[in-house]
Amino acid sequence: MSYSEICPSCGLDVCNGIGGEGTPRLNKLLQHLPSSHLFYNASVIHDICYHKFKGKSGKRLADLNFLANMLLACKSLPWYKEYWFRVQAYRNYFAVKYFGDKFYYGVDKCKGRK
């Protein structure tokens, strides 16, 4: 599974998948969780939002969008698994909400790049 996504606007590699950039040990651990495969697409979209959105409201929107996409992914599971993965979705949401500031710059990083 690739944890890389290229921004079409600037060509930067902006997606590392599950976990924050610069936290390789944590990322390796998180990649082994069952939820990391289910929430991979939500994580890629979240990384792109962190790359493109601006201001505190942009971070809030990116984080809420991340939660919505993870909850939507849970709908594909049988009912007895859905609850467990919904709990994990909220865990991930609260992690980015309270600890994601380090990885969100609040500016469009594509500005001025070709």
PDB file of N, CA and C in Angstrom:
ATOM      1  N   MET A   1       0.853  -1.182   0.000  1.00  0.00           N
ATOM      2  CA  MET A   1       0.000   0.000   0.000  1.00  0.00           C
ATOM      3  C   MET A   1       0.893   1.238   0.000  1.00  0.00           C
ATOM      4  N   SER A   2       0.600   2.161  -0.863  1.00  0.00           N
ATOM      5  CA  SER A   2       1.387   3.385  -0.974  1.00  0.00           C
ATOM      6  C   SER A   2       0.837   4.458  -0.039  1.00  0.00           C
ATOM      7  N   TYR A   3       1.713   5.088   0.688  1.00  0.00           N
ATOM      8  CA  TYR A   3       1.323   6.197   1.553  1.00  0.00           C
ATOM      9  C   TYR A   3       1.823   7.506   0.981  1.00  0.00           C
ATOM     10  N   SER A   4       1.735   7.624  -0.332  1.00  0.00           N
ATOM     11  CA  SER A   4       2.226   8.807  -1.008  1.00  0.00           C
ATOM     12  C   SER A   4       1.182   9.290  -2.000  1.00  0.00           C
ATOM     13  N   GLU A   5       0.986  10.571  -2.051  1.00  0.00           N
ATOM     14  CA  GLU A   5       0.059  11.167  -3.012  1.00  0.00           C
ATOM     15  C   GLU A   5       0.683  12.482  -3.460  1.00  0.00           C
ATOM     16  N   ILE A   6       0.732  12.710  -4.751  1.00  0.00           N
ATOM     17  CA  ILE A   6       1.343  13.909  -5.304  1.00  0.00           C
ATOM     18  C   ILE A   6       0.267  14.969  -5.507  1.00  0.00           C
ATOM     19  N   CYS A   7       0.544  16.192  -5.039  1.00  0.00           N
ATOM     20  CA  CYS A   7      -0.376  17.306  -5.236  1.00  0.00           C
ATOM     21  C   CYS A   7      -0.343  17.692  -6.712  1.00  0.00           C
ATOM     22  N   PRO A   8      -1.494  17.695  -7.387  1.00  0.00           N
ATOM     23  CA  PRO A   8      -1.501  18.039  -8.815  1.00  0.00           C
ATOM     24  C   PRO A   8      -1.130  19.498  -9.083  1.00  0.00           C
ATOM     25  N   SER A   9      -1.284  20.366  -8.087  1.00  0.00           N
ATOM     26  CA  SER A   9      -0.987  21.790  -8.287  1.00  0.00           C
ATOM     27  C   SER A   9       0.501  22.101  -8.213  1.00  0.00           C
ATOM     28  N   CYS A  10       1.192  21.490  -7.247  1.00  0.00           N
ATOM     29  CA  CYS A  10       2.589  21.879  -7.042  1.00  0.00           C
ATOM     30  C   CYS A  10       3.577  20.733  -7.194  1.00  0.00           C
ATOM     31  N   GLY A  11       3.085  19.497  -7.279  1.00  0.00           N
ATOM     32  CA  GLY A  11       3.975  18.363  -7.452  1.00  0.00           C
ATOM     33  C   GLY A  11       4.615  17.854  -6.174  1.00  0.00           C
ATOM     34  N   LEU A  12       4.244  18.419  -5.026  1.00  0.00           N
ATOM     35  CA  LEU A  12       4.809  17.956  -3.762  1.00  0.00           C
ATOM     36  C   LEU A  12       4.146  16.656  -3.318  1.00  0.00           C
ATOM     37  N   ASP A  13       4.935  15.826  -2.651  1.00  0.00           N
ATOM     38  CA  ASP A  13       4.416  14.611  -2.041  1.00  0.00           C
ATOM     39  C   ASP A  13       3.786  15.036  -0.711  1.00  0.00           C
ATOM     40  N   VAL A  14       2.455  15.077  -0.660  1.00  0.00           N
ATOM     41  CA  VAL A  14       1.781  15.669   0.499  1.00  0.00           C
ATOM     42  C   VAL A  14       1.091  14.658   1.401  1.00  0.00           C
ATOM     43  N   CYS A  15       1.017  13.415   1.000  1.00  0.00           N
ATOM     44  CA  CYS A  15       0.269  12.437   1.787  1.00  0.00           C
ATOM     45  C   CYS A  15       1.180  11.335   2.285  1.00  0.00           C
ATOM     46  N   ASN A  16       1.166  11.131   3.575  1.00  0.00           N
ATOM     47  CA  ASN A  16       1.932  10.029   4.141  1.00  0.00           C
ATOM     48  C   ASN A  16       1.015   8.942   4.684  1.00  0.00           C
ATOM     49  N   GLY A  17      -0.285   9.081   4.463  1.00  0.00           N
ATOM     50  CA  GLY A  17      -1.219   8.067   4.930  1.00  0.00           C
ATOM     51  C   GLY A  17      -1.574   8.258   6.384  1.00  0.00           C
ATOM     52  N   ILE A  18      -1.435   7.227   7.172  1.00  0.00           N
ATOM     53  CA  ILE A  18      -1.833   7.252   8.576  1.00  0.00           C
ATOM     54  C   ILE A  18      -0.683   7.795   9.411  1.00  0.00           C
ATOM     55  N   GLY A  19      -0.956   8.803  10.242  1.00  0.00           N
ATOM     56  CA  GLY A  19       0.058   9.361  11.134  1.00  0.00           C
ATOM     57  C   GLY A  19       0.649  10.641  10.588  1.00  0.00           C
ATOM     58  N   GLY A  20       1.372  11.343  11.434  1.00  0.00           N
ATOM     59  CA  GLY A  20       1.952  12.626  11.062  1.00  0.00           C
ATOM     60  C   GLY A  20       3.322  12.497  10.437  1.00  0.00           C
ATOM     61  N   GLU A  21       3.622  13.444   9.566  1.00  0.00           N
ATOM     62  CA  GLU A  21       4.942  13.488   8.943  1.00  0.00           C
ATOM     63  C   GLU A  21       5.982  13.728  10.031  1.00  0.00           C
ATOM     64  N   GLY A  22       7.068  12.981   9.980  1.00  0.00           N
ATOM     65  CA  GLY A  22       8.129  13.157  10.965  1.00  0.00           C
ATOM     66  C   GLY A  22       7.945  12.309  12.213  1.00  0.00           C
ATOM     67  N   THR A  23       6.966  11.402  12.203  1.00  0.00           N
ATOM     68  CA  THR A  23       6.756  10.506  13.344  1.00  0.00           C
ATOM     69  C   THR A  23       6.791   9.060  12.842  1.00  0.00           C
ATOM     70  N   PRO A  24       7.953   8.600  12.339  1.00  0.00           N
ATOM     71  CA  PRO A  24       8.011   7.291  11.686  1.00  0.00           C
ATOM     72  C   PRO A  24       7.660   6.114  12.591  1.00  0.00           C
ATOM     73  N   ARG A  25       8.065   6.157  13.854  1.00  0.00           N
ATOM     74  CA  ARG A  25       7.740   5.038  14.753  1.00  0.00           C
ATOM     75  C   ARG A  25       6.243   4.935  14.985  1.00  0.00           C
ATOM     76  N   LEU A  26       5.614   6.076  15.238  1.00  0.00           N
ATOM     77  CA  LEU A  26       4.167   6.090  15.440  1.00  0.00           C
ATOM     78  C   LEU A  26       3.450   5.669  14.166  1.00  0.00           C
ATOM     79  N   ASN A  27       3.894   6.157  13.031  1.00  0.00           N
ATOM     80  CA  ASN A  27       3.276   5.800  11.752  1.00  0.00           C
ATOM     81  C   ASN A  27       3.347   4.297  11.503  1.00  0.00           C
ATOM     82  N   LYS A  28       4.500   3.708  11.797  1.00  0.00           N
ATOM     83  CA  LYS A  28       4.667   2.268  11.583  1.00  0.00           C
ATOM     84  C   LYS A  28       3.696   1.490  12.470  1.00  0.00           C
ATOM     85  N   LEU A  29       3.552   1.918  13.703  1.00  0.00           N
ATOM     86  CA  LEU A  29       2.605   1.272  14.615  1.00  0.00           C
ATOM     87  C   LEU A  29       1.169   1.435  14.112  1.00  0.00           C
ATOM     88  N   LEU A  30       0.815   2.652  13.712  1.00  0.00           N
ATOM     89  CA  LEU A  30      -0.548   2.923  13.252  1.00  0.00           C
ATOM     90  C   LEU A  30      -0.893   2.149  11.985  1.00  0.00           C
ATOM     91  N   GLN A  31       0.087   1.919  11.125  1.00  0.00           N
ATOM     92  CA  GLN A  31      -0.157   1.195   9.874  1.00  0.00           C
ATOM     93  C   GLN A  31      -0.585  -0.244  10.111  1.00  0.00           C
ATOM     94  N   HIS A  32      -0.290  -0.781  11.286  1.00  0.00           N
ATOM     95  CA  HIS A  32      -0.650  -2.167  11.591  1.00  0.00           C
ATOM     96  C   HIS A  32      -2.031  -2.297  12.228  1.00  0.00           C
ATOM     97  N   LEU A  33      -2.674  -1.182  12.522  1.00  0.00           N
ATOM     98  CA  LEU A  33      -4.024  -1.243  13.070  1.00  0.00           C
ATOM     99  C   LEU A  33      -5.009  -1.609  11.956  1.00  0.00           C
ATOM    100  N   PRO A  34      -6.017  -2.405  12.266  1.00  0.00           N
ATOM    101  CA  PRO A  34      -7.010  -2.747  11.238  1.00  0.00           C
ATOM    102  C   PRO A  34      -7.700  -1.512  10.645  1.00  0.00           C
ATOM    103  N   SER A  35      -7.841  -0.477  11.442  1.00  0.00           N
ATOM    104  CA  SER A  35      -8.530   0.721  10.951  1.00  0.00           C
ATOM    105  C   SER A  35      -7.708   1.483   9.922  1.00  0.00           C
ATOM    106  N   SER A  36      -6.393   1.286   9.884  1.00  0.00           N
ATOM    107  CA  SER A  36      -5.570   2.070   8.958  1.00  0.00           C
ATOM    108  C   SER A  36      -5.918   1.752   7.503  1.00  0.00           C
ATOM    109  N   HIS A  37      -6.273   0.515   7.216  1.00  0.00           N
ATOM    110  CA  HIS A  37      -6.653   0.165   5.843  1.00  0.00           C
ATOM    111  C   HIS A  37      -8.036   0.715   5.517  1.00  0.00           C
ATOM    112  N   LEU A  38      -8.941   0.622   6.462  1.00  0.00           N
ATOM    113  CA  LEU A  38     -10.300   1.121   6.247  1.00  0.00           C
ATOM    114  C   LEU A  38     -10.310   2.636   6.074  1.00  0.00           C
ATOM    115  N   PHE A  39      -9.468   3.329   6.828  1.00  0.00           N
ATOM    116  CA  PHE A  39      -9.471   4.793   6.840  1.00  0.00           C
ATOM    117  C   PHE A  39      -8.396   5.405   5.942  1.00  0.00           C
ATOM    118  N   TYR A  40      -7.749   4.595   5.115  1.00  0.00           N
ATOM    119  CA  TYR A  40      -6.657   5.114   4.281  1.00  0.00           C
ATOM    120  C   TYR A  40      -7.117   6.259   3.385  1.00  0.00           C
ATOM    121  N   ASN A  41      -8.226   6.078   2.661  1.00  0.00           N
ATOM    122  CA  ASN A  41      -8.686   7.129   1.750  1.00  0.00           C
ATOM    123  C   ASN A  41      -9.045   8.400   2.508  1.00  0.00           C
ATOM    124  N   ALA A  42      -9.665   8.259   3.662  1.00  0.00           N
ATOM    125  CA  ALA A  42      -9.992   9.423   4.488  1.00  0.00           C
ATOM    126  C   ALA A  42      -8.710  10.139   4.923  1.00  0.00           C
ATOM    127  N   SER A  43      -7.662   9.373   5.197  1.00  0.00           N
ATOM    128  CA  SER A  43      -6.386   9.962   5.616  1.00  0.00           C
ATOM    129  C   SER A  43      -5.715  10.722   4.473  1.00  0.00           C
ATOM    130  N   VAL A  44      -5.788  10.177   3.271  1.00  0.00           N
ATOM    131  CA  VAL A  44      -5.204  10.848   2.110  1.00  0.00           C
ATOM    132  C   VAL A  44      -5.925  12.175   1.866  1.00  0.00           C
ATOM    133  N   ILE A  45      -7.246  12.145   1.908  1.00  0.00           N
ATOM    134  CA  ILE A  45      -8.022  13.381   1.724  1.00  0.00           C
ATOM    135  C   ILE A  45      -7.680  14.382   2.828  1.00  0.00           C
ATOM    136  N   HIS A  46      -7.528  13.902   4.050  1.00  0.00           N
ATOM    137  CA  HIS A  46      -7.178  14.772   5.182  1.00  0.00           C
ATOM    138  C   HIS A  46      -5.813  15.417   4.967  1.00  0.00           C
ATOM    139  N   ASP A  47      -4.843  14.635   4.491  1.00  0.00           N
ATOM    140  CA  ASP A  47      -3.511  15.190   4.222  1.00  0.00           C
ATOM    141  C   ASP A  47      -3.574  16.272   3.147  1.00  0.00           C
ATOM    142  N   ILE A  48      -4.361  16.032   2.104  1.00  0.00           N
ATOM    143  CA  ILE A  48      -4.500  17.036   1.040  1.00  0.00           C
ATOM    144  C   ILE A  48      -5.163  18.300   1.587  1.00  0.00           C
ATOM    145  N   CYS A  49      -6.170  18.135   2.434  1.00  0.00           N
ATOM    146  CA  CYS A  49      -6.830  19.300   3.048  1.00  0.00           C
ATOM    147  C   CYS A  49      -5.854  20.084   3.911  1.00  0.00           C
ATOM    148  N   TYR A  50      -5.009  19.384   4.680  1.00  0.00           N
ATOM    149  CA  TYR A  50      -4.010  20.074   5.492  1.00  0.00           C
ATOM    150  C   TYR A  50      -3.029  20.829   4.597  1.00  0.00           C
ATOM    151  N   HIS A  51      -2.791  20.312   3.415  1.00  0.00           N
ATOM    152  CA  HIS A  51      -1.863  20.940   2.463  1.00  0.00           C
ATOM    153  C   HIS A  51      -2.479  22.184   1.821  1.00  0.00           C
ATOM    154  N   LYS A  52      -3.783  22.157   1.578  1.00  0.00           N
ATOM    155  CA  LYS A  52      -4.423  23.220   0.792  1.00  0.00           C
ATOM    156  C   LYS A  52      -5.198  24.267   1.596  1.00  0.00           C
ATOM    157  N   PHE A  53      -5.780  23.877   2.728  1.00  0.00           N
ATOM    158  CA  PHE A  53      -6.673  24.788   3.454  1.00  0.00           C
ATOM    159  C   PHE A  53      -5.897  25.857   4.209  1.00  0.00           C
ATOM    160  N   LYS A  54      -6.612  26.933   4.535  1.00  0.00           N
ATOM    161  CA  LYS A  54      -5.987  28.070   5.209  1.00  0.00           C
ATOM    162  C   LYS A  54      -6.700  28.370   6.525  1.00  0.00           C
ATOM    163  N   GLY A  55      -5.962  28.892   7.499  1.00  0.00           N
ATOM    164  CA  GLY A  55      -6.523  29.383   8.745  1.00  0.00           C
ATOM    165  C   GLY A  55      -7.034  28.285   9.675  1.00  0.00           C
ATOM    166  N   LYS A  56      -7.432  28.718  10.879  1.00  0.00           N
ATOM    167  CA  LYS A  56      -7.951  27.777  11.874  1.00  0.00           C
ATOM    168  C   LYS A  56      -9.238  27.124  11.410  1.00  0.00           C
ATOM    169  N   SER A  57     -10.060  27.884  10.688  1.00  0.00           N
ATOM    170  CA  SER A  57     -11.309  27.299  10.183  1.00  0.00           C
ATOM    171  C   SER A  57     -11.013  26.217   9.147  1.00  0.00           C
ATOM    172  N   GLY A  58      -9.913  26.348   8.412  1.00  0.00           N
ATOM    173  CA  GLY A  58      -9.510  25.333   7.451  1.00  0.00           C
ATOM    174  C   GLY A  58      -9.129  24.029   8.136  1.00  0.00           C
ATOM    175  N   LYS A  59      -8.406  24.139   9.256  1.00  0.00           N
ATOM    176  CA  LYS A  59      -8.045  22.939  10.016  1.00  0.00           C
ATOM    177  C   LYS A  59      -9.297  22.277  10.568  1.00  0.00           C
ATOM    178  N   ARG A  60     -10.189  23.080  11.126  1.00  0.00           N
ATOM    179  CA  ARG A  60     -11.437  22.539  11.684  1.00  0.00           C
ATOM    180  C   ARG A  60     -12.227  21.809  10.591  1.00  0.00           C
ATOM    181  N   LEU A  61     -12.317  22.418   9.421  1.00  0.00           N
ATOM    182  CA  LEU A  61     -13.032  21.802   8.308  1.00  0.00           C
ATOM    183  C   LEU A  61     -12.345  20.511   7.862  1.00  0.00           C
ATOM    184  N   ALA A  62     -11.027  20.527   7.764  1.00  0.00           N
ATOM    185  CA  ALA A  62     -10.285  19.325   7.369  1.00  0.00           C
ATOM    186  C   ALA A  62     -10.512  18.195   8.365  1.00  0.00           C
ATOM    187  N   ASP A  63     -10.483  18.518   9.660  1.00  0.00           N
ATOM    188  CA  ASP A  63     -10.654  17.497  10.690  1.00  0.00           C
ATOM    189  C   ASP A  63     -12.081  16.939  10.695  1.00  0.00           C
ATOM    190  N   LEU A  64     -13.072  17.814  10.535  1.00  0.00           N
ATOM    191  CA  LEU A  64     -14.467  17.341  10.483  1.00  0.00           C
ATOM    192  C   LEU A  64     -14.720  16.510   9.229  1.00  0.00           C
ATOM    193  N   ASN A  65     -14.114  16.913   8.122  1.00  0.00           N
ATOM    194  CA  ASN A  65     -14.227  16.140   6.891  1.00  0.00           C
ATOM    195  C   ASN A  65     -13.585  14.763   7.069  1.00  0.00           C
ATOM    196  N   PHE A  66     -12.474  14.703   7.771  1.00  0.00           N
ATOM    197  CA  PHE A  66     -11.792  13.449   8.081  1.00  0.00           C
ATOM    198  C   PHE A  66     -12.737  12.527   8.861  1.00  0.00           C
ATOM    199  N   LEU A  67     -13.383  13.071   9.886  1.00  0.00           N
ATOM    200  CA  LEU A  67     -14.329  12.283  10.682  1.00  0.00           C
ATOM    201  C   LEU A  67     -15.478  11.781   9.812  1.00  0.00           C
ATOM    202  N   ALA A  68     -16.050  12.659   9.011  1.00  0.00           N
ATOM    203  CA  ALA A  68     -17.177  12.267   8.150  1.00  0.00           C
ATOM    204  C   ALA A  68     -16.772  11.157   7.181  1.00  0.00           C
ATOM    205  N   ASN A  69     -15.589  11.249   6.598  1.00  0.00           N
ATOM    206  CA  ASN A  69     -15.128  10.224   5.658  1.00  0.00           C
ATOM    207  C   ASN A  69     -14.855   8.893   6.357  1.00  0.00           C
ATOM    208  N   MET A  70     -14.331   8.948   7.574  1.00  0.00           N
ATOM    209  CA  MET A  70     -14.102   7.707   8.310  1.00  0.00           C
ATOM    210  C   MET A  70     -15.432   7.055   8.691  1.00  0.00           C
ATOM    211  N   LEU A  71     -16.386   7.853   9.147  1.00  0.00           N
ATOM    212  CA  LEU A  71     -17.698   7.303   9.509  1.00  0.00           C
ATOM    213  C   LEU A  71     -18.396   6.716   8.285  1.00  0.00           C
ATOM    214  N   LEU A  72     -18.223   7.348   7.153  1.00  0.00           N
ATOM    215  CA  LEU A  72     -18.796   6.822   5.906  1.00  0.00           C
ATOM    216  C   LEU A  72     -18.160   5.473   5.556  1.00  0.00           C
ATOM    217  N   ALA A  73     -16.862   5.348   5.751  1.00  0.00           N
ATOM    218  CA  ALA A  73     -16.174   4.076   5.494  1.00  0.00           C
ATOM    219  C   ALA A  73     -16.702   2.969   6.420  1.00  0.00           C
ATOM    220  N   CYS A  74     -17.063   3.332   7.629  1.00  0.00           N
ATOM    221  CA  CYS A  74     -17.593   2.352   8.588  1.00  0.00           C
ATOM    222  C   CYS A  74     -18.914   1.756   8.121  1.00  0.00           C
ATOM    223  N   LYS A  75     -19.656   2.494   7.327  1.00  0.00           N
ATOM    224  CA  LYS A  75     -20.964   2.026   6.844  1.00  0.00           C
ATOM    225  C   LYS A  75     -20.834   0.772   5.966  1.00  0.00           C
ATOM    226  N   SER A  76     -19.643   0.538   5.414  1.00  0.00           N
ATOM    227  CA  SER A  76     -19.443  -0.621   4.542  1.00  0.00           C
ATOM    228  C   SER A  76     -19.247  -1.918   5.334  1.00  0.00           C
ATOM    229  N   LEU A  77     -19.156  -1.804   6.653  1.00  0.00           N
ATOM    230  CA  LEU A  77     -18.884  -2.965   7.495  1.00  0.00           C
ATOM    231  C   LEU A  77     -20.174  -3.591   8.016  1.00  0.00           C
ATOM    232  N   PRO A  78     -20.113  -4.871   8.389  1.00  0.00           N
ATOM    233  CA  PRO A  78     -21.265  -5.471   9.067  1.00  0.00           C
ATOM    234  C   PRO A  78     -21.533  -4.728  10.375  1.00  0.00           C
ATOM    235  N   TRP A  79     -22.774  -4.750  10.820  1.00  0.00           N
ATOM    236  CA  TRP A  79     -23.181  -3.963  11.989  1.00  0.00           C
ATOM    237  C   TRP A  79     -22.332  -4.253  13.219  1.00  0.00           C
ATOM    238  N   TYR A  80     -21.922  -5.499  13.407  1.00  0.00           N
ATOM    239  CA  TYR A  80     -21.165  -5.865  14.607  1.00  0.00           C
ATOM    240  C   TYR A  80     -19.725  -5.349  14.578  1.00  0.00           C
ATOM    241  N   LYS A  81     -19.215  -4.984  13.407  1.00  0.00           N
ATOM    242  CA  LYS A  81     -17.888  -4.376  13.311  1.00  0.00           C
ATOM    243  C   LYS A  81     -17.988  -2.853  13.229  1.00  0.00           C
ATOM    244  N   GLU A  82     -19.089  -2.374  12.716  1.00  0.00           N
ATOM    245  CA  GLU A  82     -19.242  -0.935  12.500  1.00  0.00           C
ATOM    246  C   GLU A  82     -19.051  -0.145  13.781  1.00  0.00           C
ATOM    247  N   TYR A  83     -19.662  -0.588  14.877  1.00  0.00           N
ATOM    248  CA  TYR A  83     -19.547   0.158  16.147  1.00  0.00           C
ATOM    249  C   TYR A  83     -18.085   0.294  16.569  1.00  0.00           C
ATOM    250  N   TRP A  84     -17.347  -0.803  16.528  1.00  0.00           N
ATOM    251  CA  TRP A  84     -15.943  -0.785  16.952  1.00  0.00           C
ATOM    252  C   TRP A  84     -15.123   0.191  16.103  1.00  0.00           C
ATOM    253  N   PHE A  85     -15.344   0.171  14.802  1.00  0.00           N
ATOM    254  CA  PHE A  85     -14.583   1.055  13.928  1.00  0.00           C
ATOM    255  C   PHE A  85     -15.047   2.510  14.047  1.00  0.00           C
ATOM    256  N   ARG A  86     -16.305   2.738  14.388  1.00  0.00           N
ATOM    257  CA  ARG A  86     -16.771   4.107  14.644  1.00  0.00           C
ATOM    258  C   ARG A  86     -16.040   4.689  15.858  1.00  0.00           C
ATOM    259  N   VAL A  87     -15.833   3.868  16.878  1.00  0.00           N
ATOM    260  CA  VAL A  87     -15.068   4.310  18.052  1.00  0.00           C
ATOM    261  C   VAL A  87     -13.650   4.697  17.634  1.00  0.00           C
ATOM    262  N   GLN A  88     -13.040   3.907  16.769  1.00  0.00           N
ATOM    263  CA  GLN A  88     -11.696   4.214  16.286  1.00  0.00           C
ATOM    264  C   GLN A  88     -11.678   5.480  15.426  1.00  0.00           C
ATOM    265  N   ALA A  89     -12.755   5.698  14.677  1.00  0.00           N
ATOM    266  CA  ALA A  89     -12.852   6.922  13.874  1.00  0.00           C
ATOM    267  C   ALA A  89     -12.849   8.146  14.787  1.00  0.00           C
ATOM    268  N   TYR A  90     -13.614   8.095  15.867  1.00  0.00           N
ATOM    269  CA  TYR A  90     -13.626   9.220  16.809  1.00  0.00           C
ATOM    270  C   TYR A  90     -12.288   9.372  17.505  1.00  0.00           C
ATOM    271  N   ARG A  91     -11.616   8.271  17.801  1.00  0.00           N
ATOM    272  CA  ARG A  91     -10.273   8.340  18.395  1.00  0.00           C
ATOM    273  C   ARG A  91      -9.333   9.092  17.456  1.00  0.00           C
ATOM    274  N   ASN A  92      -9.382   8.738  16.163  1.00  0.00           N
ATOM    275  CA  ASN A  92      -8.521   9.402  15.181  1.00  0.00           C
ATOM    276  C   ASN A  92      -8.882  10.878  15.033  1.00  0.00           C
ATOM    277  N   TYR A  93     -10.174  11.164  15.036  1.00  0.00           N
ATOM    278  CA  TYR A  93     -10.620  12.555  14.917  1.00  0.00           C
ATOM    279  C   TYR A  93     -10.100  13.388  16.085  1.00  0.00           C
ATOM    280  N   PHE A  94     -10.252  12.884  17.304  1.00  0.00           N
ATOM    281  CA  PHE A  94      -9.784  13.645  18.464  1.00  0.00           C
ATOM    282  C   PHE A  94      -8.269  13.782  18.461  1.00  0.00           C
ATOM    283  N   ALA A  95      -7.570  12.794  17.923  1.00  0.00           N
ATOM    284  CA  ALA A  95      -6.106  12.890  17.836  1.00  0.00           C
ATOM    285  C   ALA A  95      -5.698  14.034  16.913  1.00  0.00           C
ATOM    286  N   VAL A  96      -6.329  14.141  15.729  1.00  0.00           N
ATOM    287  CA  VAL A  96      -5.954  15.236  14.829  1.00  0.00           C
ATOM    288  C   VAL A  96      -6.491  16.575  15.326  1.00  0.00           C
ATOM    289  N   LYS A  97      -7.635  16.553  15.982  1.00  0.00           N
ATOM    290  CA  LYS A  97      -8.207  17.804  16.489  1.00  0.00           C
ATOM    291  C   LYS A  97      -7.296  18.426  17.549  1.00  0.00           C
ATOM    292  N   TYR A  98      -6.805  17.613  18.461  1.00  0.00           N
ATOM    293  CA  TYR A  98      -6.024  18.153  19.575  1.00  0.00           C
ATOM    294  C   TYR A  98      -4.513  18.115  19.362  1.00  0.00           C
ATOM    295  N   PHE A  99      -4.017  17.247  18.487  1.00  0.00           N
ATOM    296  CA  PHE A  99      -2.569  17.135  18.301  1.00  0.00           C
ATOM    297  C   PHE A  99      -2.118  17.412  16.870  1.00  0.00           C
ATOM    298  N   GLY A 100      -3.051  17.744  15.973  1.00  0.00           N
ATOM    299  CA  GLY A 100      -2.705  17.952  14.572  1.00  0.00           C
ATOM    300  C   GLY A 100      -2.149  19.325  14.243  1.00  0.00           C
ATOM    301  N   ASP A 101      -2.161  20.247  15.205  1.00  0.00           N
ATOM    302  CA  ASP A 101      -1.662  21.607  14.938  1.00  0.00           C
ATOM    303  C   ASP A 101      -0.231  21.601  14.423  1.00  0.00           C
ATOM    304  N   LYS A 102       0.570  20.672  14.911  1.00  0.00           N
ATOM    305  CA  LYS A 102       1.977  20.580  14.516  1.00  0.00           C
ATOM    306  C   LYS A 102       2.119  20.324  13.013  1.00  0.00           C
ATOM    307  N   PHE A 103       1.112  19.686  12.421  1.00  0.00           N
ATOM    308  CA  PHE A 103       1.196  19.283  11.023  1.00  0.00           C
ATOM    309  C   PHE A 103       0.374  20.171  10.098  1.00  0.00           C
ATOM    310  N   TYR A 104      -0.336  21.122  10.678  1.00  0.00           N
ATOM    311  CA  TYR A 104      -1.177  22.025   9.881  1.00  0.00           C
ATOM    312  C   TYR A 104      -0.561  23.412   9.923  1.00  0.00           C
ATOM    313  N   TYR A 105      -0.270  23.963   8.753  1.00  0.00           N
ATOM    314  CA  TYR A 105       0.401  25.259   8.700  1.00  0.00           C
ATOM    315  C   TYR A 105      -0.555  26.419   8.493  1.00  0.00           C
ATOM    316  N   GLY A 106      -1.787  26.135   8.078  1.00  0.00           N
ATOM    317  CA  GLY A 106      -2.781  27.189   7.921  1.00  0.00           C
ATOM    318  C   GLY A 106      -2.582  28.083   6.715  1.00  0.00           C
ATOM    319  N   VAL A 107      -1.768  27.633   5.789  1.00  0.00           N
ATOM    320  CA  VAL A 107      -1.565  28.381   4.547  1.00  0.00           C
ATOM    321  C   VAL A 107      -1.587  27.384   3.394  1.00  0.00           C
ATOM    322  N   ASP A 108      -1.919  27.892   2.223  1.00  0.00           N
ATOM    323  CA  ASP A 108      -1.877  27.064   1.024  1.00  0.00           C
ATOM    324  C   ASP A 108      -0.407  26.877   0.653  1.00  0.00           C
ATOM    325  N   LYS A 109       0.130  25.707   0.851  1.00  0.00           N
ATOM    326  CA  LYS A 109       1.552  25.455   0.598  1.00  0.00           C
ATOM    327  C   LYS A 109       1.874  25.404  -0.894  1.00  0.00           C
ATOM    328  N   CYS A 110       0.849  25.415  -1.731  1.00  0.00           N
ATOM    329  CA  CYS A 110       1.093  25.407  -3.183  1.00  0.00           C
ATOM    330  C   CYS A 110       1.403  26.791  -3.717  1.00  0.00           C
ATOM    331  N   LYS A 111       1.121  27.854  -2.965  1.00  0.00           N
ATOM    332  CA  LYS A 111       1.327  29.219  -3.444  1.00  0.00           C
ATOM    333  C   LYS A 111       2.770  29.416  -3.902  1.00  0.00           C
ATOM    334  N   GLY A 112       2.887  29.931  -5.084  1.00  0.00           N
ATOM    335  CA  GLY A 112       4.214  30.269  -5.584  1.00  0.00           C
ATOM    336  C   GLY A 112       5.007  29.080  -6.122  1.00  0.00           C
ATOM    337  N   ARG A 113       4.417  27.904  -6.160  1.00  0.00           N
ATOM    338  CA  ARG A 113       5.137  26.734  -6.652  1.00  0.00           C
ATOM    339  C   ARG A 113       4.626  26.352  -8.022  1.00  0.00           C
ATOM    340  N   LYS A 114       5.475  25.763  -8.793  1.00  0.00           N
ATOM    341  CA  LYS A 114       5.079  25.297 -10.127  1.00  0.00           C
ATOM    342  C   LYS A 114       5.260  23.812 -10.200  1.00  0.00           C
TER     343      LYS A 114
END
